[in-house]
Amino acid sequence: MVWNRDSEFVVQLNRDLSAFIGKGCPAHDEEVFNELALREFSLQFKNIEAYRRFCLNREINPEKISTWQEIPA
């Protein structure tokens, strides 16, 4: 499944990211950051073939990780 930029998943993720950034650094919550990063990873994994292959070669997918630190870069 590939999400386009008008899908509800992408629209909501953009809203949530904008709200998080808009709060400024002092208000940042590690748990919220982690959740947003994992959602962004899921989006990129599903939509970017080269990145998906990169992750799969390392045996990583959105279902296998639970923290932003595990996202391949």
Protein backbone atom coordinates (compact mmCIF):
# COMPACT_ATOMS: atom_id res chain seq x y z
CA MET A 1 0.00 0.00 0.00
CA VAL A 2 1.38 3.38 -0.99
CA TRP A 3 0.02 6.52 0.64
CA ASN A 4 -0.30 9.64 -1.45
CA ARG A 5 0.00 13.09 0.06
CA ASP A 6 -3.78 13.49 0.18
CA SER A 7 -4.40 10.28 2.13
CA GLU A 8 -5.80 10.65 5.63
CA PHE A 9 -2.63 9.08 7.11
CA VAL A 10 -0.36 11.67 5.46
CA VAL A 11 -2.66 14.64 6.14
CA GLN A 12 -2.95 13.72 9.83
CA LEU A 13 0.78 13.08 10.16
CA ASN A 14 1.50 16.52 8.66
CA ARG A 15 -0.94 18.14 11.12
CA ASP A 16 0.58 16.33 14.06
CA LEU A 17 4.16 17.16 13.01
CA SER A 18 3.27 20.83 12.54
CA ALA A 19 1.61 20.97 15.97
CA PHE A 20 4.63 19.29 17.58
CA ILE A 21 7.10 21.66 15.94
CA GLY A 22 4.89 24.66 16.71
CA LYS A 23 5.11 23.99 20.45
CA GLY A 24 8.85 24.70 20.46
CA CYS A 25 11.72 22.77 22.00
CA PRO A 26 10.93 23.26 25.69
CA ALA A 27 7.54 21.60 25.26
CA HIS A 28 8.80 18.58 23.31
CA ASP A 29 7.80 15.25 24.71
CA GLU A 30 10.04 12.25 23.99
CA GLU A 31 7.07 9.87 23.79
CA VAL A 32 5.26 12.06 21.25
CA PHE A 33 8.48 12.51 19.25
CA ASN A 34 8.98 8.74 19.17
CA GLU A 35 5.43 8.13 17.96
CA LEU A 36 5.74 10.76 15.21
CA ALA A 37 9.13 9.42 14.09
CA LEU A 38 7.76 5.88 13.85
CA ARG A 39 4.79 7.09 11.79
CA GLU A 40 7.14 8.99 9.46
CA PHE A 41 9.33 5.89 9.14
CA SER A 42 6.29 3.83 8.22
CA LEU A 43 5.35 6.37 5.54
CA GLN A 44 8.83 6.41 4.03
CA PHE A 45 9.18 2.63 4.23
CA LYS A 46 5.94 2.12 2.32
CA ASN A 47 6.52 4.84 -0.29
CA ILE A 48 10.24 4.82 -1.09
CA GLU A 49 11.27 1.58 -2.77
CA ALA A 50 15.03 2.14 -2.43
CA TYR A 51 14.67 2.93 1.30
CA ARG A 52 12.43 -0.10 1.82
CA ARG A 53 15.08 -2.34 0.23
CA PHE A 54 17.75 -0.69 2.39
CA CYS A 55 15.71 -1.47 5.52
CA LEU A 56 14.80 -4.99 4.47
CA ASN A 57 18.46 -5.78 3.80
CA ARG A 58 18.98 -4.96 7.49
CA GLU A 59 15.89 -6.99 8.43
CA ILE A 60 14.08 -3.89 9.68
CA ASN A 61 10.47 -2.93 9.01
CA PRO A 62 7.90 -0.78 10.85
CA GLU A 63 6.53 -3.79 12.73
CA LYS A 64 9.95 -4.74 14.15
CA ILE A 65 10.94 -1.47 15.79
CA SER A 66 9.54 0.48 18.70
CA THR A 67 11.83 3.49 19.12
CA TRP A 68 13.06 6.22 16.80
CA GLN A 69 16.65 5.21 17.57
CA GLU A 70 16.06 1.95 15.65
CA ILE A 71 15.09 3.72 12.42
CA PRO A 72 17.81 3.15 9.80
CA ALA A 73 19.52 6.27 8.53
